[in-house]
Amino acid sequence: MKRRDPWWGYMKEILRRYPDVESFEKHAIDTALDHMAGQTDGESKIYLIRLVFFHKTHTLAGAACMIPVSYNTAKRWQQEFIRAVACHIKCDGLLKHEPKNSTYCDTMSQ
């Protein structure tokens, strides 16, 4: 089993509790959703996040079938979203450096 970063569980927990979260957490989630909306396949990505975390009606595999995308694509989208929320909550210091001299959060601002 792959070991997750220390902040990963916290991010998933606030996503499960949304919208009953602290104001800074809600702002981070809403900002990440806005960012995702502007991406390629943004509507599908947001639909997946809503089905899995907010409505809690589907597993990740079930949501992938609804869109339809592969499970691996759905998993990648979910991970990207969780990292985006972490960036907006300022957990970016805990995020691993992706490209040299840059964090994942630096790529979020582009």
Protein backbone atom coordinates (compact mmCIF):
# COMPACT_ATOMS: atom_id res chain seq x y z
CA MET A 1 0.00 0.00 0.00
CA LYS A 2 1.32 3.42 -0.96
CA ARG A 3 2.00 5.72 1.95
CA ARG A 4 0.26 9.09 1.70
CA ASP A 5 1.56 12.47 2.77
CA PRO A 6 0.50 13.66 6.25
CA TRP A 7 -1.97 16.23 4.91
CA TRP A 8 -3.77 13.83 2.53
CA GLY A 9 -6.25 12.48 5.09
CA TYR A 10 -7.08 15.99 6.29
CA MET A 11 -7.86 17.08 2.73
CA LYS A 12 -10.15 14.10 2.10
CA GLU A 13 -11.91 14.70 5.41
CA ILE A 14 -12.73 18.34 4.69
CA LEU A 15 -13.97 17.35 1.23
CA ARG A 16 -16.30 14.79 2.81
CA ARG A 17 -17.62 17.40 5.29
CA TYR A 18 -18.11 20.14 2.67
CA PRO A 19 -20.02 22.51 2.92
CA ASP A 20 -19.95 22.13 6.74
CA VAL A 21 -16.35 23.26 7.01
CA GLU A 22 -14.46 26.28 8.32
CA SER A 23 -14.56 29.37 6.12
CA PHE A 24 -10.90 29.07 5.04
CA GLU A 25 -11.50 25.44 4.05
CA LYS A 26 -14.61 26.35 2.06
CA HIS A 27 -12.70 29.12 0.31
CA ALA A 28 -9.91 26.67 -0.60
CA ILE A 29 -12.37 24.13 -2.02
CA ASP A 30 -14.33 26.76 -3.95
CA THR A 31 -11.12 28.23 -5.37
CA ALA A 32 -9.90 24.78 -6.44
CA LEU A 33 -13.29 24.12 -8.11
CA ASP A 34 -13.07 27.44 -9.96
CA HIS A 35 -9.56 26.61 -11.12
CA MET A 36 -10.66 23.16 -12.25
CA ALA A 37 -13.61 24.62 -14.18
CA GLY A 38 -11.20 26.44 -16.46
CA GLN A 39 -9.25 23.31 -17.34
CA THR A 40 -9.74 20.92 -20.22
CA ASP A 41 -12.62 18.56 -19.26
CA GLY A 42 -13.36 20.89 -16.33
CA GLU A 43 -17.09 20.12 -16.23
CA SER A 44 -16.44 16.39 -16.15
CA LYS A 45 -13.81 16.78 -13.43
CA ILE A 46 -16.14 18.81 -11.26
CA TYR A 47 -18.99 16.34 -11.84
CA LEU A 48 -16.72 13.52 -10.66
CA ILE A 49 -15.73 15.45 -7.52
CA ARG A 50 -19.34 16.27 -6.74
CA LEU A 51 -20.51 12.65 -7.13
CA VAL A 52 -17.74 11.24 -4.96
CA PHE A 53 -17.24 13.86 -2.24
CA PHE A 54 -20.21 16.21 -2.05
CA HIS A 55 -23.23 14.09 -3.02
CA LYS A 56 -21.57 10.86 -1.83
CA THR A 57 -23.63 8.86 -4.31
CA HIS A 58 -20.78 7.09 -6.13
CA THR A 59 -17.45 5.48 -5.55
CA LEU A 60 -14.62 6.76 -7.67
CA ALA A 61 -15.06 3.80 -10.03
CA GLY A 62 -18.82 4.40 -10.26
CA ALA A 63 -18.35 8.10 -10.96
CA ALA A 64 -15.80 7.25 -13.66
CA CYS A 65 -18.42 5.09 -15.37
CA MET A 66 -20.97 7.91 -15.24
CA ILE A 67 -18.74 10.42 -17.05
CA PRO A 68 -17.39 8.07 -18.79
CA VAL A 69 -13.62 8.01 -18.24
CA SER A 70 -11.23 5.30 -17.18
CA TYR A 71 -10.71 4.63 -13.50
CA ASN A 72 -7.10 5.78 -13.81
CA THR A 73 -8.19 9.11 -15.30
CA ALA A 74 -10.77 9.57 -12.54
CA LYS A 75 -8.14 8.77 -9.93
CA ARG A 76 -5.74 11.30 -11.47
CA TRP A 77 -8.45 13.99 -11.52
CA GLN A 78 -9.33 13.29 -7.89
CA GLN A 79 -5.67 13.48 -6.84
CA GLU A 80 -5.17 16.74 -8.76
CA PHE A 81 -8.18 18.24 -7.03
CA ILE A 82 -7.06 17.16 -3.57
CA ARG A 83 -3.62 18.67 -4.22
CA ALA A 84 -5.24 21.89 -5.47
CA VAL A 85 -7.28 22.20 -2.27
CA ALA A 86 -4.12 21.60 -0.24
CA CYS A 87 -2.37 24.38 -2.14
CA HIS A 88 -5.13 26.81 -1.35
CA ILE A 89 -5.07 25.86 2.33
CA LYS A 90 -1.34 26.49 2.34
CA CYS A 91 -0.28 22.91 2.83
CA ASP A 92 2.02 23.55 -0.11
CA GLY A 93 5.08 23.43 2.12
CA LEU A 94 4.28 19.76 2.64
CA LEU A 95 3.79 19.02 -1.05
CA LYS A 96 6.68 17.30 -2.76
CA HIS A 97 8.63 19.29 -5.28
CA GLU A 98 7.55 18.24 -8.74
CA PRO A 99 9.78 19.93 -11.33
CA LYS A 100 13.10 21.26 -10.12
CA ASN A 101 12.72 24.39 -7.93
CA SER A 102 8.93 24.35 -8.22
CA THR A 103 6.11 22.98 -6.12
CA TYR A 104 2.83 21.60 -7.37
CA CYS A 105 1.24 24.79 -6.10
CA ASP A 106 3.37 26.92 -8.41
CA THR A 107 1.76 25.12 -11.35
CA MET A 108 -1.71 25.90 -9.92
CA SER A 109 -1.17 29.63 -10.36
CA GLN A 110 -0.41 29.31 -14.08
